[in-house]
Amino acid sequence: MEFSLPSIGALLLCISVTAHAAETGGLSPVATAGKFVDALQHQHYKEASSMFPPGQAQDSSATERALKRIDESLGGLSTIHPIPTLPDGKTIKLEIPAHKAVVSKVQKFLQVRYASTASDGQPVFYELNLTADNTPPQVLSFGVHFPASDKQSTERANHLVTLIER
């Protein structure tokens, strides 16, 4: 049996793509972001927390509790939708896990941004950082941004951060 060079190349490419898909669970970073958001929308906090790398900054149960407190304090995760960029202006940010150096340790990462309307009718913005190198996609951090452009919105933001961090 003879194989031509192009057919051998095509076979190797197919095997490589299949192996990479098997290694990463078949999910791209964008698909992982979608799965994470879907888990939050359906209140599957344990599933969402399992998408963080083990041992990064908090244990899985602490991350799970933090995600649940965000939902309980804000509501509105059912209205979460992707946006191209965070809006201009001052925000107060809460990050899960609360470990500032997590993203800086990773060579490449992908950032996906979302917006929703909280139960008080005000906007909330989210920033999801995911691994984007050759490792299986994982969530590095989940940031919640509260607009804080004036005294009233700053007070709201500080109040919500306090509620979530309790």
Protein backbone atom coordinates (compact mmCIF):
# COMPACT_ATOMS: atom_id res chain seq x y z
CA MET A 1 0.00 0.00 0.00
CA GLU A 2 1.39 3.37 -0.98
CA PHE A 3 0.60 6.72 0.58
CA SER A 4 1.25 10.04 -1.07
CA LEU A 5 2.88 12.85 0.85
CA PRO A 6 -0.31 15.01 0.84
CA SER A 7 -2.45 12.16 2.20
CA ILE A 8 0.09 11.44 4.97
CA GLY A 9 0.09 15.16 5.84
CA ALA A 10 -3.70 15.24 5.94
CA LEU A 11 -3.76 12.14 8.15
CA LEU A 12 -1.24 13.67 10.57
CA LEU A 13 -3.21 16.92 10.70
CA CYS A 14 -6.41 15.01 11.45
CA ILE A 15 -4.71 13.02 14.22
CA SER A 16 -3.22 16.20 15.70
CA VAL A 17 -6.57 18.03 15.77
CA THR A 18 -8.30 14.99 17.25
CA ALA A 19 -5.63 14.58 19.94
CA HIS A 20 -5.83 18.28 20.86
CA ALA A 21 -9.63 18.12 21.09
CA ALA A 22 -9.42 15.03 23.30
CA GLU A 23 -6.77 16.68 25.49
CA THR A 24 -8.82 19.85 26.01
CA GLY A 25 -12.11 18.06 26.40
CA GLY A 26 -13.03 19.35 22.95
CA LEU A 27 -13.63 22.88 24.24
CA SER A 28 -12.02 26.08 23.06
CA PRO A 29 -11.55 28.96 25.52
CA VAL A 30 -14.66 30.63 24.06
CA ALA A 31 -16.68 27.42 24.48
CA THR A 32 -15.37 27.14 28.05
CA ALA A 33 -16.54 30.73 28.69
CA GLY A 34 -19.97 29.80 27.36
CA LYS A 35 -20.09 26.73 29.57
CA PHE A 36 -19.06 28.81 32.61
CA VAL A 37 -21.76 31.43 31.98
CA ASP A 38 -24.35 28.73 31.35
CA ALA A 39 -23.46 27.12 34.69
CA LEU A 40 -23.91 30.48 36.45
CA GLN A 41 -27.23 31.12 34.69
CA HIS A 42 -28.52 27.74 35.90
CA GLN A 43 -27.09 28.22 39.42
CA HIS A 44 -24.62 25.34 39.02
CA TYR A 45 -21.93 27.01 41.11
CA LYS A 46 -20.01 23.80 41.76
CA GLU A 47 -19.72 23.17 38.03
CA ALA A 48 -18.58 26.76 37.44
CA SER A 49 -16.01 26.61 40.25
CA SER A 50 -14.60 23.36 38.85
CA MET A 51 -13.52 25.30 35.74
CA PHE A 52 -10.90 27.22 37.75
CA PRO A 53 -7.43 25.63 37.97
CA PRO A 54 -7.12 23.62 41.18
CA GLY A 55 -5.14 25.30 43.94
CA GLN A 56 -4.76 28.70 42.23
CA ALA A 57 -5.95 31.01 45.00
CA GLN A 58 -8.90 29.49 46.82
CA ASP A 59 -10.26 26.05 47.26
CA SER A 60 -13.16 24.99 45.07
CA SER A 61 -15.77 25.33 47.82
CA ALA A 62 -14.72 28.92 48.60
CA THR A 63 -14.97 29.81 44.91
CA GLU A 64 -18.35 28.10 44.73
CA ARG A 65 -19.61 30.11 47.71
CA ALA A 66 -18.32 33.38 46.22
CA LEU A 67 -20.08 32.72 42.90
CA LYS A 68 -23.30 31.91 44.77
CA ARG A 69 -23.05 35.14 46.82
CA ILE A 70 -22.60 37.15 43.60
CA ASP A 71 -25.82 35.69 42.23
CA GLU A 72 -27.72 36.09 45.51
CA SER A 73 -26.56 39.68 46.00
CA LEU A 74 -26.97 40.89 42.43
CA GLY A 75 -29.44 38.69 40.63
CA GLY A 76 -29.62 39.27 36.92
CA LEU A 77 -27.35 36.44 35.80
CA SER A 78 -30.18 35.22 33.60
CA THR A 79 -29.78 38.41 31.54
CA ILE A 80 -26.00 38.09 31.11
CA HIS A 81 -24.85 38.64 27.53
CA PRO A 82 -21.48 39.16 25.82
CA ILE A 83 -20.25 42.67 25.03
CA PRO A 84 -17.18 43.73 23.02
CA THR A 85 -15.56 45.94 25.69
CA LEU A 86 -16.21 47.22 29.16
CA PRO A 87 -17.70 50.71 29.13
CA ASP A 88 -15.49 53.70 29.79
CA GLY A 89 -15.62 55.19 33.22
CA LYS A 90 -14.74 54.34 36.78
CA THR A 91 -15.80 51.00 38.22
CA ILE A 92 -15.31 49.16 41.46
CA LYS A 93 -14.10 45.64 40.75
CA LEU A 94 -14.51 42.44 42.72
CA GLU A 95 -12.47 39.49 41.46
CA ILE A 96 -12.96 35.77 42.01
CA PRO A 97 -10.59 34.28 42.99
CA ALA A 98 -9.25 37.31 44.82
CA HIS A 99 -5.68 36.70 43.72
CA LYS A 100 -4.24 39.52 41.65
CA ALA A 101 -1.24 37.67 40.20
CA VAL A 102 -3.12 34.70 38.70
CA VAL A 103 -3.51 36.17 35.22
CA SER A 104 0.00 37.66 35.19
CA LYS A 105 1.52 34.19 35.69
CA VAL A 106 -0.04 32.92 32.46
CA GLN A 107 1.68 33.72 29.17
CA LYS A 108 -1.49 33.90 27.08
CA PHE A 109 -5.03 34.43 28.21
CA LEU A 110 -8.34 35.28 26.61
CA GLN A 111 -10.68 37.86 28.07
CA VAL A 112 -14.43 37.74 27.47
CA ARG A 113 -16.69 40.51 28.74
CA TYR A 114 -20.36 40.41 29.67
CA ALA A 115 -23.08 42.72 30.91
CA SER A 116 -26.33 42.17 32.76
CA THR A 117 -28.95 44.08 34.65
CA ALA A 118 -28.91 43.47 38.40
CA SER A 119 -32.12 42.96 40.34
CA ASP A 120 -32.05 46.66 41.29
CA GLY A 121 -32.29 47.59 37.59
CA GLN A 122 -28.72 48.89 37.39
CA PRO A 123 -26.02 47.56 35.04
CA VAL A 124 -23.27 45.17 36.11
CA PHE A 125 -20.31 44.15 33.97
CA TYR A 126 -18.29 40.97 34.10
CA GLU A 127 -14.81 40.09 32.89
CA LEU A 128 -13.86 36.45 32.42
CA ASN A 129 -10.17 35.56 31.96
CA LEU A 130 -9.38 32.12 30.50
CA THR A 131 -6.23 30.24 29.60
CA ALA A 132 -5.47 30.44 25.89
CA ASP A 133 -2.25 28.48 25.58
CA ASN A 134 -1.87 24.82 24.69
CA THR A 135 -3.32 23.61 27.98
CA PRO A 136 -6.96 22.64 28.41
CA PRO A 137 -9.01 25.85 28.76
CA GLN A 138 -9.66 26.94 32.34
CA VAL A 139 -11.12 30.01 34.01
CA LEU A 140 -8.39 32.13 35.58
CA SER A 141 -10.59 34.80 37.12
CA PHE A 142 -14.10 36.21 37.10
CA GLY A 143 -14.29 39.96 37.68
CA VAL A 144 -17.46 41.85 38.55
CA HIS A 145 -17.41 45.57 37.67
CA PHE A 146 -19.85 47.97 39.28
CA PRO A 147 -20.13 51.41 37.63
CA ALA A 148 -18.97 54.10 40.06
CA SER A 149 -19.16 57.39 38.18
CA ASP A 150 -20.87 59.43 40.91
CA LYS A 151 -21.50 59.36 44.66
CA GLN A 152 -24.73 57.33 44.42
CA SER A 153 -23.28 54.66 42.10
CA THR A 154 -20.10 54.44 44.21
CA GLU A 155 -22.20 53.86 47.34
CA ARG A 156 -24.17 51.16 45.50
CA ALA A 157 -20.97 49.51 44.32
CA ASN A 158 -19.38 49.53 47.77
CA HIS A 159 -22.58 48.16 49.31
CA LEU A 160 -22.76 45.29 46.80
CA VAL A 161 -19.07 44.42 47.25
CA THR A 162 -19.63 44.31 51.02
CA LEU A 163 -22.65 42.03 50.59
CA ILE A 164 -20.75 39.65 48.33
CA GLU A 165 -17.63 39.54 50.51
CA ARG A 166 -19.53 38.91 53.78
